[in-house]
Each structure stands twice: as structure tokens, then as C-alpha cells.
Amino acid sequence: MNRIVKLVVLAVSLSLMFGCATYYLQSNLNGLSVGISKSAFLYTFPDTRTTQGPILRAAQKGKDGLIEVFTMEMTGGQLGQQPVPFWFLFENGSLTQWGRPEDWRNVSASYEINFNPAHGVR
């Protein structure tokens, strides 16, 4: 009977630990490059049952075409580490830049889009 209780506790612990949403690792950013297509980006970081993928946060047609900004939280991979939000900027379907919220200020002056990286990132 004692063994059954231990197995139940282990099963519940594992389901709590792995049943919650997980995040992509910041090291996955090493595989990105300027110019990849939006579809390749979304294929690289799919939204699955357990992992939160990119979220489209802003889109605007301007004189130079379509500008889109996605956000996604990522971790460094250490247990218990808080996720860090990142933004990803696409121009006409191609990745042009990405960074953390504090990097957006330097980029935002060059684009006609209403996006505040400090709000709404899950």
C-alpha cells in the first residue's frame, strides 16, 4: 500500500511539473537570422499544447508595406527561472530585428507602428 501512495504522489508531482505550459529557450534564438520568413519563424516556434509560441501583438500597413510585431516569452533553461519577453519585428513577411522590451525604444523611431512591449506579454 505504501508503494502505491508513493507512485500516486510521484505521478501527481510529475503531471504538475510537466503539465504546465513551458517556454522556448533563449538559446533557440541562435538559430534565427535576419530575413527568414514569418512562416519559417512560426514553424520554428509552434504554439503547442504545452509550449506557448509567438503572439501577434501589432500589425500595420505603412508606406513601405506590412509591419508586424510578435512577442514570445523565453527562458534560459534553469529550473524555476522566470521567463523573459522578447519581441520579433517583421517587414513584409521577413524577420528584420528582435530583442527584449528595453531594446524596442531604439527601434521604434524607425517604424510607424503602435506597439508597447511592456504591456500584454503573457
PDB file of N, CA and C in Angstrom:
ATOM      1  N   MET A   1       0.830  -1.194   0.000  1.00  0.00           N
ATOM      2  CA  MET A   1       0.000   0.000   0.000  1.00  0.00           C
ATOM      3  C   MET A   1       0.873   1.256   0.000  1.00  0.00           C
ATOM      4  N   ASN A   2       1.942   1.234   0.772  1.00  0.00           N
ATOM      5  CA  ASN A   2       2.847   2.371   0.856  1.00  0.00           C
ATOM      6  C   ASN A   2       3.456   2.682  -0.515  1.00  0.00           C
ATOM      7  N   ARG A   3       3.749   1.643  -1.271  1.00  0.00           N
ATOM      8  CA  ARG A   3       4.316   1.818  -2.609  1.00  0.00           C
ATOM      9  C   ARG A   3       3.307   2.492  -3.541  1.00  0.00           C
ATOM     10  N   ILE A   4       2.038   2.146  -3.432  1.00  0.00           N
ATOM     11  CA  ILE A   4       1.002   2.752  -4.265  1.00  0.00           C
ATOM     12  C   ILE A   4       0.882   4.247  -3.955  1.00  0.00           C
ATOM     13  N   VAL A   5       0.930   4.602  -2.690  1.00  0.00           N
ATOM     14  CA  VAL A   5       0.850   6.022  -2.308  1.00  0.00           C
ATOM     15  C   VAL A   5       2.035   6.778  -2.893  1.00  0.00           C
ATOM     16  N   LYS A   6       3.216   6.214  -2.834  1.00  0.00           N
ATOM     17  CA  LYS A   6       4.411   6.856  -3.385  1.00  0.00           C
ATOM     18  C   LYS A   6       4.279   7.041  -4.896  1.00  0.00           C
ATOM     19  N   LEU A   7       3.749   6.032  -5.583  1.00  0.00           N
ATOM     20  CA  LEU A   7       3.562   6.139  -7.023  1.00  0.00           C
ATOM     21  C   LEU A   7       2.539   7.220  -7.384  1.00  0.00           C
ATOM     22  N   VAL A   8       1.470   7.309  -6.612  1.00  0.00           N
ATOM     23  CA  VAL A   8       0.457   8.335  -6.856  1.00  0.00           C
ATOM     24  C   VAL A   8       1.047   9.725  -6.637  1.00  0.00           C
ATOM     25  N   VAL A   9       1.803   9.902  -5.560  1.00  0.00           N
ATOM     26  CA  VAL A   9       2.438  11.193  -5.278  1.00  0.00           C
ATOM     27  C   VAL A   9       3.415  11.545  -6.396  1.00  0.00           C
ATOM     28  N   LEU A  10       4.182  10.576  -6.859  1.00  0.00           N
ATOM     29  CA  LEU A  10       5.128  10.810  -7.949  1.00  0.00           C
ATOM     30  C   LEU A  10       4.390  11.196  -9.233  1.00  0.00           C
ATOM     31  N   ALA A  11       3.322  10.504  -9.543  1.00  0.00           N
ATOM     32  CA  ALA A  11       2.558  10.803 -10.762  1.00  0.00           C
ATOM     33  C   ALA A  11       1.948  12.205 -10.707  1.00  0.00           C
ATOM     34  N   VAL A  12       1.398  12.578  -9.566  1.00  0.00           N
ATOM     35  CA  VAL A  12       0.814  13.912  -9.419  1.00  0.00           C
ATOM     36  C   VAL A  12       1.903  14.973  -9.519  1.00  0.00           C
ATOM     37  N   SER A  13       3.040  14.740  -8.901  1.00  0.00           N
ATOM     38  CA  SER A  13       4.155  15.699  -8.952  1.00  0.00           C
ATOM     39  C   SER A  13       4.648  15.888 -10.375  1.00  0.00           C
ATOM     40  N   LEU A  14       4.813  14.796 -11.105  1.00  0.00           N
ATOM     41  CA  LEU A  14       5.279  14.891 -12.492  1.00  0.00           C
ATOM     42  C   LEU A  14       4.264  15.610 -13.377  1.00  0.00           C
ATOM     43  N   SER A  15       2.981  15.324 -13.171  1.00  0.00           N
ATOM     44  CA  SER A  15       1.975  15.985 -14.001  1.00  0.00           C
ATOM     45  C   SER A  15       1.921  17.477 -13.710  1.00  0.00           C
ATOM     46  N   LEU A  16       2.122  17.869 -12.459  1.00  0.00           N
ATOM     47  CA  LEU A  16       2.160  19.296 -12.132  1.00  0.00           C
ATOM     48  C   LEU A  16       3.396  19.964 -12.721  1.00  0.00           C
ATOM     49  N   MET A  17       4.513  19.257 -12.678  1.00  0.00           N
ATOM     50  CA  MET A  17       5.760  19.823 -13.164  1.00  0.00           C
ATOM     51  C   MET A  17       5.777  19.931 -14.678  1.00  0.00           C
ATOM     52  N   PHE A  18       5.297  18.933 -15.383  1.00  0.00           N
ATOM     53  CA  PHE A  18       5.363  18.920 -16.835  1.00  0.00           C
ATOM     54  C   PHE A  18       4.038  19.238 -17.507  1.00  0.00           C
ATOM     55  N   GLY A  19       2.959  19.277 -16.762  1.00  0.00           N
ATOM     56  CA  GLY A  19       1.659  19.559 -17.335  1.00  0.00           C
ATOM     57  C   GLY A  19       1.422  21.046 -17.554  1.00  0.00           C
ATOM     58  N   CYS A  20       2.207  21.882 -16.921  1.00  0.00           N
ATOM     59  CA  CYS A  20       2.060  23.326 -17.077  1.00  0.00           C
ATOM     60  C   CYS A  20       2.751  23.766 -18.358  1.00  0.00           C
ATOM     61  N   ALA A  21       2.384  24.953 -18.810  1.00  0.00           N
ATOM     62  CA  ALA A  21       2.993  25.493 -20.024  1.00  0.00           C
ATOM     63  C   ALA A  21       4.491  25.686 -19.829  1.00  0.00           C
ATOM     64  N   THR A  22       5.247  25.371 -20.852  1.00  0.00           N
ATOM     65  CA  THR A  22       6.686  25.593 -20.830  1.00  0.00           C
ATOM     66  C   THR A  22       7.018  26.668 -21.856  1.00  0.00           C
ATOM     67  N   TYR A  23       8.258  27.103 -21.844  1.00  0.00           N
ATOM     68  CA  TYR A  23       8.685  28.185 -22.721  1.00  0.00           C
ATOM     69  C   TYR A  23       9.845  27.712 -23.581  1.00  0.00           C
ATOM     70  N   TYR A  24       9.992  28.348 -24.726  1.00  0.00           N
ATOM     71  CA  TYR A  24      11.154  28.071 -25.559  1.00  0.00           C
ATOM     72  C   TYR A  24      12.392  28.653 -24.894  1.00  0.00           C
ATOM     73  N   LEU A  25      13.539  28.068 -25.192  1.00  0.00           N
ATOM     74  CA  LEU A  25      14.799  28.516 -24.602  1.00  0.00           C
ATOM     75  C   LEU A  25      15.376  29.689 -25.379  1.00  0.00           C
ATOM     76  N   GLN A  26      16.001  30.606 -24.659  1.00  0.00           N
ATOM     77  CA  GLN A  26      16.642  31.746 -25.306  1.00  0.00           C
ATOM     78  C   GLN A  26      17.739  31.288 -26.263  1.00  0.00           C
ATOM     79  N   SER A  27      18.334  30.147 -26.003  1.00  0.00           N
ATOM     80  CA  SER A  27      19.378  29.625 -26.899  1.00  0.00           C
ATOM     81  C   SER A  27      18.817  29.307 -28.286  1.00  0.00           C
ATOM     82  N   ASN A  28      17.490  29.110 -28.397  1.00  0.00           N
ATOM     83  CA  ASN A  28      16.878  28.887 -29.711  1.00  0.00           C
ATOM     84  C   ASN A  28      17.020  30.107 -30.619  1.00  0.00           C
ATOM     85  N   LEU A  29      17.252  31.272 -30.032  1.00  0.00           N
ATOM     86  CA  LEU A  29      17.426  32.491 -30.825  1.00  0.00           C
ATOM     87  C   LEU A  29      18.691  32.423 -31.677  1.00  0.00           C
ATOM     88  N   ASN A  30      19.641  31.586 -31.291  1.00  0.00           N
ATOM     89  CA  ASN A  30      20.874  31.434 -32.074  1.00  0.00           C
ATOM     90  C   ASN A  30      20.590  30.910 -33.477  1.00  0.00           C
ATOM     91  N   GLY A  31      19.457  30.234 -33.645  1.00  0.00           N
ATOM     92  CA  GLY A  31      19.104  29.701 -34.953  1.00  0.00           C
ATOM     93  C   GLY A  31      18.381  30.694 -35.850  1.00  0.00           C
ATOM     94  N   LEU A  32      18.043  31.867 -35.313  1.00  0.00           N
ATOM     95  CA  LEU A  32      17.359  32.873 -36.118  1.00  0.00           C
ATOM     96  C   LEU A  32      18.359  33.691 -36.919  1.00  0.00           C
ATOM     97  N   SER A  33      17.885  34.215 -38.025  1.00  0.00           N
ATOM     98  CA  SER A  33      18.701  35.138 -38.810  1.00  0.00           C
ATOM     99  C   SER A  33      17.790  36.150 -39.482  1.00  0.00           C
ATOM    100  N   VAL A  34      18.318  37.334 -39.681  1.00  0.00           N
ATOM    101  CA  VAL A  34      17.570  38.378 -40.361  1.00  0.00           C
ATOM    102  C   VAL A  34      17.197  37.873 -41.750  1.00  0.00           C
ATOM    103  N   GLY A  35      15.949  38.088 -42.130  1.00  0.00           N
ATOM    104  CA  GLY A  35      15.492  37.704 -43.458  1.00  0.00           C
ATOM    105  C   GLY A  35      14.693  36.419 -43.525  1.00  0.00           C
ATOM    106  N   ILE A  36      14.651  35.634 -42.418  1.00  0.00           N
ATOM    107  CA  ILE A  36      13.836  34.415 -42.503  1.00  0.00           C
ATOM    108  C   ILE A  36      12.370  34.806 -42.623  1.00  0.00           C
ATOM    109  N   SER A  37      11.602  33.961 -43.250  1.00  0.00           N
ATOM    110  CA  SER A  37      10.189  34.268 -43.470  1.00  0.00           C
ATOM    111  C   SER A  37       9.391  34.104 -42.181  1.00  0.00           C
ATOM    112  N   LYS A  38       8.255  34.768 -42.141  1.00  0.00           N
ATOM    113  CA  LYS A  38       7.366  34.644 -40.991  1.00  0.00           C
ATOM    114  C   LYS A  38       6.905  33.199 -40.841  1.00  0.00           C
ATOM    115  N   SER A  39       6.633  32.532 -41.941  1.00  0.00           N
ATOM    116  CA  SER A  39       6.176  31.139 -41.855  1.00  0.00           C
ATOM    117  C   SER A  39       7.278  30.236 -41.294  1.00  0.00           C
ATOM    118  N   ALA A  40       8.535  30.475 -41.665  1.00  0.00           N
ATOM    119  CA  ALA A  40       9.642  29.685 -41.110  1.00  0.00           C
ATOM    120  C   ALA A  40       9.796  29.960 -39.620  1.00  0.00           C
ATOM    121  N   PHE A  41       9.629  31.215 -39.215  1.00  0.00           N
ATOM    122  CA  PHE A  41       9.694  31.591 -37.803  1.00  0.00           C
ATOM    123  C   PHE A  41       8.608  30.873 -37.006  1.00  0.00           C
ATOM    124  N   LEU A  42       7.377  30.921 -37.502  1.00  0.00           N
ATOM    125  CA  LEU A  42       6.265  30.278 -36.804  1.00  0.00           C
ATOM    126  C   LEU A  42       6.412  28.759 -36.796  1.00  0.00           C
ATOM    127  N   TYR A  43       7.030  28.199 -37.815  1.00  0.00           N
ATOM    128  CA  TYR A  43       7.298  26.761 -37.859  1.00  0.00           C
ATOM    129  C   TYR A  43       8.358  26.396 -36.818  1.00  0.00           C
ATOM    130  N   THR A  44       9.341  27.268 -36.622  1.00  0.00           N
ATOM    131  CA  THR A  44      10.421  27.031 -35.658  1.00  0.00           C
ATOM    132  C   THR A  44       9.907  27.091 -34.229  1.00  0.00           C
ATOM    133  N   PHE A  45       8.925  27.973 -33.980  1.00  0.00           N
ATOM    134  CA  PHE A  45       8.379  28.160 -32.629  1.00  0.00           C
ATOM    135  C   PHE A  45       6.874  27.921 -32.638  1.00  0.00           C
ATOM    136  N   PRO A  46       6.443  26.681 -32.839  1.00  0.00           N
ATOM    137  CA  PRO A  46       4.993  26.429 -32.903  1.00  0.00           C
ATOM    138  C   PRO A  46       4.329  26.587 -31.538  1.00  0.00           C
ATOM    139  N   ASP A  47       3.080  26.964 -31.553  1.00  0.00           N
ATOM    140  CA  ASP A  47       2.255  27.036 -30.352  1.00  0.00           C
ATOM    141  C   ASP A  47       1.673  25.642 -30.155  1.00  0.00           C
ATOM    142  N   THR A  48       2.142  24.948 -29.122  1.00  0.00           N
ATOM    143  CA  THR A  48       1.690  23.579 -28.886  1.00  0.00           C
ATOM    144  C   THR A  48       0.832  23.527 -27.638  1.00  0.00           C
ATOM    145  N   ARG A  49       0.405  22.337 -27.310  1.00  0.00           N
ATOM    146  CA  ARG A  49      -0.421  22.146 -26.115  1.00  0.00           C
ATOM    147  C   ARG A  49       0.339  22.521 -24.849  1.00  0.00           C
ATOM    148  N   THR A  50       1.666  22.365 -24.852  1.00  0.00           N
ATOM    149  CA  THR A  50       2.450  22.624 -23.643  1.00  0.00           C
ATOM    150  C   THR A  50       3.406  23.807 -23.770  1.00  0.00           C
ATOM    151  N   THR A  51       3.638  24.313 -24.964  1.00  0.00           N
ATOM    152  CA  THR A  51       4.601  25.396 -25.148  1.00  0.00           C
ATOM    153  C   THR A  51       3.937  26.577 -25.846  1.00  0.00           C
ATOM    154  N   GLN A  52       4.064  27.748 -25.232  1.00  0.00           N
ATOM    155  CA  GLN A  52       3.477  28.965 -25.791  1.00  0.00           C
ATOM    156  C   GLN A  52       4.355  29.493 -26.916  1.00  0.00           C
ATOM    157  N   GLY A  53       3.784  29.602 -28.092  1.00  0.00           N
ATOM    158  CA  GLY A  53       4.509  30.131 -29.238  1.00  0.00           C
ATOM    159  C   GLY A  53       4.344  31.638 -29.351  1.00  0.00           C
ATOM    160  N   PRO A  54       4.791  32.210 -30.454  1.00  0.00           N
ATOM    161  CA  PRO A  54       4.694  33.658 -30.649  1.00  0.00           C
ATOM    162  C   PRO A  54       3.246  34.138 -30.738  1.00  0.00           C
ATOM    163  N   ILE A  55       3.032  35.376 -30.274  1.00  0.00           N
ATOM    164  CA  ILE A  55       1.721  36.014 -30.314  1.00  0.00           C
ATOM    165  C   ILE A  55       1.841  37.276 -31.152  1.00  0.00           C
ATOM    166  N   LEU A  56       0.985  37.416 -32.156  1.00  0.00           N
ATOM    167  CA  LEU A  56       0.961  38.641 -32.952  1.00  0.00           C
ATOM    168  C   LEU A  56       0.373  39.754 -32.098  1.00  0.00           C
ATOM    169  N   ARG A  57       1.161  40.797 -31.855  1.00  0.00           N
ATOM    170  CA  ARG A  57       0.730  41.883 -30.978  1.00  0.00           C
ATOM    171  C   ARG A  57       0.392  43.171 -31.715  1.00  0.00           C
ATOM    172  N   ALA A  58       0.975  43.370 -32.897  1.00  0.00           N
ATOM    173  CA  ALA A  58       0.695  44.599 -33.635  1.00  0.00           C
ATOM    174  C   ALA A  58       0.952  44.348 -35.113  1.00  0.00           C
ATOM    175  N   ALA A  59       0.146  44.992 -35.944  1.00  0.00           N
ATOM    176  CA  ALA A  59       0.331  44.923 -37.394  1.00  0.00           C
ATOM    177  C   ALA A  59      -0.173  46.220 -37.998  1.00  0.00           C
ATOM    178  N   GLN A  60       0.562  46.723 -38.969  1.00  0.00           N
ATOM    179  CA  GLN A  60       0.177  47.979 -39.597  1.00  0.00           C
ATOM    180  C   GLN A  60       0.740  48.043 -41.006  1.00  0.00           C
ATOM    181  N   LYS A  61      -0.131  48.473 -41.926  1.00  0.00           N
ATOM    182  CA  LYS A  61       0.331  48.733 -43.288  1.00  0.00           C
ATOM    183  C   LYS A  61       0.806  50.166 -43.345  1.00  0.00           C
ATOM    184  N   GLY A  62       2.014  50.338 -43.849  1.00  0.00           N
ATOM    185  CA  GLY A  62       2.577  51.670 -43.986  1.00  0.00           C
ATOM    186  C   GLY A  62       3.006  51.913 -45.417  1.00  0.00           C
ATOM    187  N   LYS A  63       3.708  53.002 -45.618  1.00  0.00           N
ATOM    188  CA  LYS A  63       4.142  53.350 -46.976  1.00  0.00           C
ATOM    189  C   LYS A  63       5.132  52.336 -47.540  1.00  0.00           C
ATOM    190  N   ASP A  64       5.839  51.627 -46.652  1.00  0.00           N
ATOM    191  CA  ASP A  64       6.818  50.634 -47.099  1.00  0.00           C
ATOM    192  C   ASP A  64       6.299  49.202 -47.048  1.00  0.00           C
ATOM    193  N   GLY A  65       5.019  49.013 -46.715  1.00  0.00           N
ATOM    194  CA  GLY A  65       4.448  47.670 -46.679  1.00  0.00           C
ATOM    195  C   GLY A  65       3.931  47.306 -45.300  1.00  0.00           C
ATOM    196  N   LEU A  66       3.844  46.012 -45.037  1.00  0.00           N
ATOM    197  CA  LEU A  66       3.272  45.497 -43.798  1.00  0.00           C
ATOM    198  C   LEU A  66       4.353  45.334 -42.735  1.00  0.00           C
ATOM    199  N   ILE A  67       4.087  45.894 -41.546  1.00  0.00           N
ATOM    200  CA  ILE A  67       4.957  45.748 -40.383  1.00  0.00           C
ATOM    201  C   ILE A  67       4.179  44.922 -39.358  1.00  0.00           C
ATOM    202  N   GLU A  68       4.808  43.884 -38.796  1.00  0.00           N
ATOM    203  CA  GLU A  68       4.172  43.048 -37.780  1.00  0.00           C
ATOM    204  C   GLU A  68       5.140  42.851 -36.625  1.00  0.00           C
ATOM    205  N   VAL A  69       4.585  42.825 -35.410  1.00  0.00           N
ATOM    206  CA  VAL A  69       5.388  42.565 -34.221  1.00  0.00           C
ATOM    207  C   VAL A  69       4.770  41.399 -33.459  1.00  0.00           C
ATOM    208  N   PHE A  70       5.569  40.383 -33.227  1.00  0.00           N
ATOM    209  CA  PHE A  70       5.179  39.229 -32.412  1.00  0.00           C
ATOM    210  C   PHE A  70       5.913  39.325 -31.088  1.00  0.00           C
ATOM    211  N   THR A  71       5.347  38.733 -30.040  1.00  0.00           N
ATOM    212  CA  THR A  71       6.045  38.607 -28.767  1.00  0.00           C
ATOM    213  C   THR A  71       6.038  37.145 -28.345  1.00  0.00           C
ATOM    214  N   MET A  72       7.020  36.807 -27.529  1.00  0.00           N
ATOM    215  CA  MET A  72       7.112  35.444 -27.010  1.00  0.00           C
ATOM    216  C   MET A  72       7.987  35.470 -25.765  1.00  0.00           C
ATOM    217  N   GLU A  73       7.568  34.764 -24.733  1.00  0.00           N
ATOM    218  CA  GLU A  73       8.377  34.640 -23.529  1.00  0.00           C
ATOM    219  C   GLU A  73       9.298  33.441 -23.664  1.00  0.00           C
ATOM    220  N   MET A  74      10.543  33.607 -23.199  1.00  0.00           N
ATOM    221  CA  MET A  74      11.543  32.551 -23.298  1.00  0.00           C
ATOM    222  C   MET A  74      12.321  32.486 -21.982  1.00  0.00           C
ATOM    223  N   THR A  75      12.954  31.337 -21.735  1.00  0.00           N
ATOM    224  CA  THR A  75      13.772  31.189 -20.526  1.00  0.00           C
ATOM    225  C   THR A  75      15.190  30.775 -20.899  1.00  0.00           C
ATOM    226  N   GLY A  76      16.060  30.877 -19.902  1.00  0.00           N
ATOM    227  CA  GLY A  76      17.441  30.431 -20.073  1.00  0.00           C
ATOM    228  C   GLY A  76      17.596  28.942 -19.841  1.00  0.00           C
ATOM    229  N   GLY A  77      16.561  28.301 -19.347  1.00  0.00           N
ATOM    230  CA  GLY A  77      16.584  26.850 -19.175  1.00  0.00           C
ATOM    231  C   GLY A  77      16.784  26.367 -17.754  1.00  0.00           C
ATOM    232  N   GLN A  78      17.074  27.269 -16.820  1.00  0.00           N
ATOM    233  CA  GLN A  78      17.257  26.850 -15.434  1.00  0.00           C
ATOM    234  C   GLN A  78      15.893  26.657 -14.778  1.00  0.00           C
ATOM    235  N   LEU A  79      15.799  25.628 -13.954  1.00  0.00           N
ATOM    236  CA  LEU A  79      14.551  25.310 -13.262  1.00  0.00           C
ATOM    237  C   LEU A  79      14.144  26.483 -12.382  1.00  0.00           C
ATOM    238  N   GLY A  80      12.910  26.909 -12.488  1.00  0.00           N
ATOM    239  CA  GLY A  80      12.388  27.995 -11.677  1.00  0.00           C
ATOM    240  C   GLY A  80      12.699  29.386 -12.202  1.00  0.00           C
ATOM    241  N   GLN A  81      13.411  29.477 -13.308  1.00  0.00           N
ATOM    242  CA  GLN A  81      13.752  30.783 -13.869  1.00  0.00           C
ATOM    243  C   GLN A  81      12.522  31.430 -14.482  1.00  0.00           C
ATOM    244  N   GLN A  82      12.354  32.714 -14.224  1.00  0.00           N
ATOM    245  CA  GLN A  82      11.226  33.453 -14.773  1.00  0.00           C
ATOM    246  C   GLN A  82      11.429  33.683 -16.276  1.00  0.00           C
ATOM    247  N   PRO A  83      10.371  33.566 -17.060  1.00  0.00           N
ATOM    248  CA  PRO A  83      10.507  33.813 -18.499  1.00  0.00           C
ATOM    249  C   PRO A  83      10.757  35.292 -18.781  1.00  0.00           C
ATOM    250  N   VAL A  84      11.448  35.544 -19.885  1.00  0.00           N
ATOM    251  CA  VAL A  84      11.783  36.895 -20.323  1.00  0.00           C
ATOM    252  C   VAL A  84      11.048  37.153 -21.634  1.00  0.00           C
ATOM    253  N   PRO A  85      10.344  38.286 -21.755  1.00  0.00           N
ATOM    254  CA  PRO A  85       9.646  38.573 -23.014  1.00  0.00           C
ATOM    255  C   PRO A  85      10.608  39.047 -24.099  1.00  0.00           C
ATOM    256  N   PHE A  86      10.347  38.629 -25.319  1.00  0.00           N
ATOM    257  CA  PHE A  86      11.088  39.077 -26.495  1.00  0.00           C
ATOM    258  C   PHE A  86      10.088  39.545 -27.535  1.00  0.00           C
ATOM    259  N   TRP A  87      10.473  40.498 -28.357  1.00  0.00           N
ATOM    260  CA  TRP A  87       9.667  40.936 -29.496  1.00  0.00           C
ATOM    261  C   TRP A  87      10.408  40.584 -30.785  1.00  0.00           C
ATOM    262  N   PHE A  88       9.622  40.388 -31.859  1.00  0.00           N
ATOM    263  CA  PHE A  88      10.157  39.998 -33.164  1.00  0.00           C
ATOM    264  C   PHE A  88       9.476  40.867 -34.215  1.00  0.00           C
ATOM    265  N   LEU A  89      10.253  41.629 -34.970  1.00  0.00           N
ATOM    266  CA  LEU A  89       9.734  42.578 -35.942  1.00  0.00           C
ATOM    267  C   LEU A  89       9.882  42.023 -37.350  1.00  0.00           C
ATOM    268  N   PHE A  90       8.760  42.025 -38.087  1.00  0.00           N
ATOM    269  CA  PHE A  90       8.735  41.547 -39.467  1.00  0.00           C
ATOM    270  C   PHE A  90       8.344  42.689 -40.388  1.00  0.00           C
ATOM    271  N   GLU A  91       9.045  42.808 -41.502  1.00  0.00           N
ATOM    272  CA  GLU A  91       8.687  43.753 -42.559  1.00  0.00           C
ATOM    273  C   GLU A  91       8.354  42.940 -43.800  1.00  0.00           C
ATOM    274  N   ASN A  92       7.133  43.087 -44.271  1.00  0.00           N
ATOM    275  CA  ASN A  92       6.670  42.372 -45.462  1.00  0.00           C
ATOM    276  C   ASN A  92       6.983  40.871 -45.400  1.00  0.00           C
ATOM    277  N   GLY A  93       6.752  40.299 -44.213  1.00  0.00           N
ATOM    278  CA  GLY A  93       6.890  38.855 -44.048  1.00  0.00           C
ATOM    279  C   GLY A  93       8.286  38.341 -43.770  1.00  0.00           C
ATOM    280  N   SER A  94       9.271  39.242 -43.589  1.00  0.00           N
ATOM    281  CA  SER A  94      10.651  38.822 -43.298  1.00  0.00           C
ATOM    282  C   SER A  94      11.097  39.392 -41.955  1.00  0.00           C
ATOM    283  N   LEU A  95      11.764  38.564 -41.161  1.00  0.00           N
ATOM    284  CA  LEU A  95      12.272  38.995 -39.866  1.00  0.00           C
ATOM    285  C   LEU A  95      13.378  40.024 -40.059  1.00  0.00           C
ATOM    286  N   THR A  96      13.237  41.178 -39.405  1.00  0.00           N
ATOM    287  CA  THR A  96      14.258  42.221 -39.539  1.00  0.00           C
ATOM    288  C   THR A  96      15.027  42.446 -38.244  1.00  0.00           C
ATOM    289  N   GLN A  97      14.349  42.320 -37.095  1.00  0.00           N
ATOM    290  CA  GLN A  97      15.007  42.540 -35.808  1.00  0.00           C
ATOM    291  C   GLN A  97      14.257  41.804 -34.719  1.00  0.00           C
ATOM    292  N   TRP A  98      14.943  41.584 -33.596  1.00  0.00           N
ATOM    293  CA  TRP A  98      14.289  41.054 -32.408  1.00  0.00           C
ATOM    294  C   TRP A  98      15.075  41.502 -31.197  1.00  0.00           C
ATOM    295  N   GLY A  99      14.416  41.472 -30.045  1.00  0.00           N
ATOM    296  CA  GLY A  99      15.088  41.882 -28.822  1.00  0.00           C
ATOM    297  C   GLY A  99      14.169  41.821 -27.626  1.00  0.00           C
ATOM    298  N   ARG A 100      14.665  42.377 -26.513  1.00  0.00           N
ATOM    299  CA  ARG A 100      13.899  42.458 -25.273  1.00  0.00           C
ATOM    300  C   ARG A 100      13.151  43.790 -25.247  1.00  0.00           C
ATOM    301  N   PRO A 101      12.190  43.941 -24.324  1.00  0.00           N
ATOM    302  CA  PRO A 101      11.420  45.185 -24.281  1.00  0.00           C
ATOM    303  C   PRO A 101      12.286  46.449 -24.216  1.00  0.00           C
ATOM    304  N   GLU A 102      13.367  46.401 -23.469  1.00  0.00           N
ATOM    305  CA  GLU A 102      14.218  47.592 -23.342  1.00  0.00           C
ATOM    306  C   GLU A 102      14.928  47.959 -24.648  1.00  0.00           C
ATOM    307  N   ASP A 103      14.992  47.024 -25.596  1.00  0.00           N
ATOM    308  CA  ASP A 103      15.608  47.297 -26.897  1.00  0.00           C
ATOM    309  C   ASP A 103      14.654  48.011 -27.859  1.00  0.00           C
ATOM    310  N   TRP A 104      13.349  47.962 -27.580  1.00  0.00           N
ATOM    311  CA  TRP A 104      12.351  48.477 -28.508  1.00  0.00           C
ATOM    312  C   TRP A 104      12.480  49.987 -28.709  1.00  0.00           C
ATOM    313  N   ARG A 105      12.833  50.725 -27.683  1.00  0.00           N
ATOM    314  CA  ARG A 105      12.916  52.182 -27.786  1.00  0.00           C
ATOM    315  C   ARG A 105      13.845  52.615 -28.922  1.00  0.00           C
ATOM    316  N   ASN A 106      14.972  51.950 -29.076  1.00  0.00           N
ATOM    317  CA  ASN A 106      15.918  52.301 -30.137  1.00  0.00           C
ATOM    318  C   ASN A 106      15.386  51.960 -31.529  1.00  0.00           C
ATOM    319  N   VAL A 107      14.492  50.990 -31.607  1.00  0.00           N
ATOM    320  CA  VAL A 107      13.969  50.513 -32.889  1.00  0.00           C
ATOM    321  C   VAL A 107      12.701  51.258 -33.296  1.00  0.00           C
ATOM    322  N   SER A 108      11.876  51.612 -32.329  1.00  0.00           N
ATOM    323  CA  SER A 108      10.530  52.118 -32.613  1.00  0.00           C
ATOM    324  C   SER A 108      10.508  53.410 -33.424  1.00  0.00           C
ATOM    325  N   ALA A 109      11.519  54.236 -33.318  1.00  0.00           N
ATOM    326  CA  ALA A 109      11.523  55.505 -34.058  1.00  0.00           C
ATOM    327  C   ALA A 109      11.581  55.289 -35.568  1.00  0.00           C
ATOM    328  N   SER A 110      12.031  54.142 -35.993  1.00  0.00           N
ATOM    329  CA  SER A 110      12.173  53.859 -37.423  1.00  0.00           C
ATOM    330  C   SER A 110      10.917  53.280 -38.057  1.00  0.00           C
ATOM    331  N   TYR A 111       9.880  52.988 -37.253  1.00  0.00           N
ATOM    332  CA  TYR A 111       8.702  52.302 -37.773  1.00  0.00           C
ATOM    333  C   TYR A 111       7.420  53.010 -37.375  1.00  0.00           C
ATOM    334  N   GLU A 112       6.454  52.981 -38.261  1.00  0.00           N
ATOM    335  CA  GLU A 112       5.134  53.543 -37.993  1.00  0.00           C
ATOM    336  C   GLU A 112       4.224  52.433 -37.488  1.00  0.00           C
ATOM    337  N   ILE A 113       4.348  52.124 -36.202  1.00  0.00           N
ATOM    338  CA  ILE A 113       3.510  51.077 -35.622  1.00  0.00           C
ATOM    339  C   ILE A 113       3.310  51.381 -34.149  1.00  0.00           C
ATOM    340  N   ASN A 114       2.108  51.135 -33.663  1.00  0.00           N
ATOM    341  CA  ASN A 114       1.780  51.368 -32.269  1.00  0.00           C
ATOM    342  C   ASN A 114       1.962  50.064 -31.506  1.00  0.00           C
ATOM    343  N   PHE A 115       3.072  49.976 -30.793  1.00  0.00           N
ATOM    344  CA  PHE A 115       3.382  48.760 -30.044  1.00  0.00           C
ATOM    345  C   PHE A 115       4.125  49.146 -28.778  1.00  0.00           C
ATOM    346  N   ASN A 116       3.671  48.640 -27.643  1.00  0.00           N
ATOM    347  CA  ASN A 116       4.334  48.872 -26.363  1.00  0.00           C
ATOM    348  C   ASN A 116       4.726  47.513 -25.806  1.00  0.00           C
ATOM    349  N   PRO A 117       6.018  47.173 -25.820  1.00  0.00           N
ATOM    350  CA  PRO A 117       6.429  45.844 -25.386  1.00  0.00           C
ATOM    351  C   PRO A 117       6.262  45.608 -23.890  1.00  0.00           C
ATOM    352  N   ALA A 118       6.026  46.651 -23.131  1.00  0.00           N
ATOM    353  CA  ALA A 118       5.886  46.485 -21.687  1.00  0.00           C
ATOM    354  C   ALA A 118       4.507  45.984 -21.283  1.00  0.00           C
ATOM    355  N   HIS A 119       3.531  46.045 -22.180  1.00  0.00           N
ATOM    356  CA  HIS A 119       2.167  45.641 -21.846  1.00  0.00           C
ATOM    357  C   HIS A 119       1.720  44.446 -22.666  1.00  0.00           C
ATOM    358  N   GLY A 120       0.996  43.562 -22.017  1.00  0.00           N
ATOM    359  CA  GLY A 120       0.309  42.499 -22.720  1.00  0.00           C
ATOM    360  C   GLY A 120       1.128  41.248 -22.991  1.00  0.00           C
ATOM    361  N   VAL A 121       2.389  41.227 -22.630  1.00  0.00           N
ATOM    362  CA  VAL A 121       3.153  39.994 -22.825  1.00  0.00           C
ATOM    363  C   VAL A 121       2.776  39.051 -21.702  1.00  0.00           C
ATOM    364  N   ARG A 122       2.377  37.848 -22.082  1.00  0.00           N
ATOM    365  CA  ARG A 122       1.973  36.876 -21.064  1.00  0.00           C
ATOM    366  C   ARG A 122       3.177  36.355 -20.333  1.00  0.00           C
TER     367      ARG A 122
END
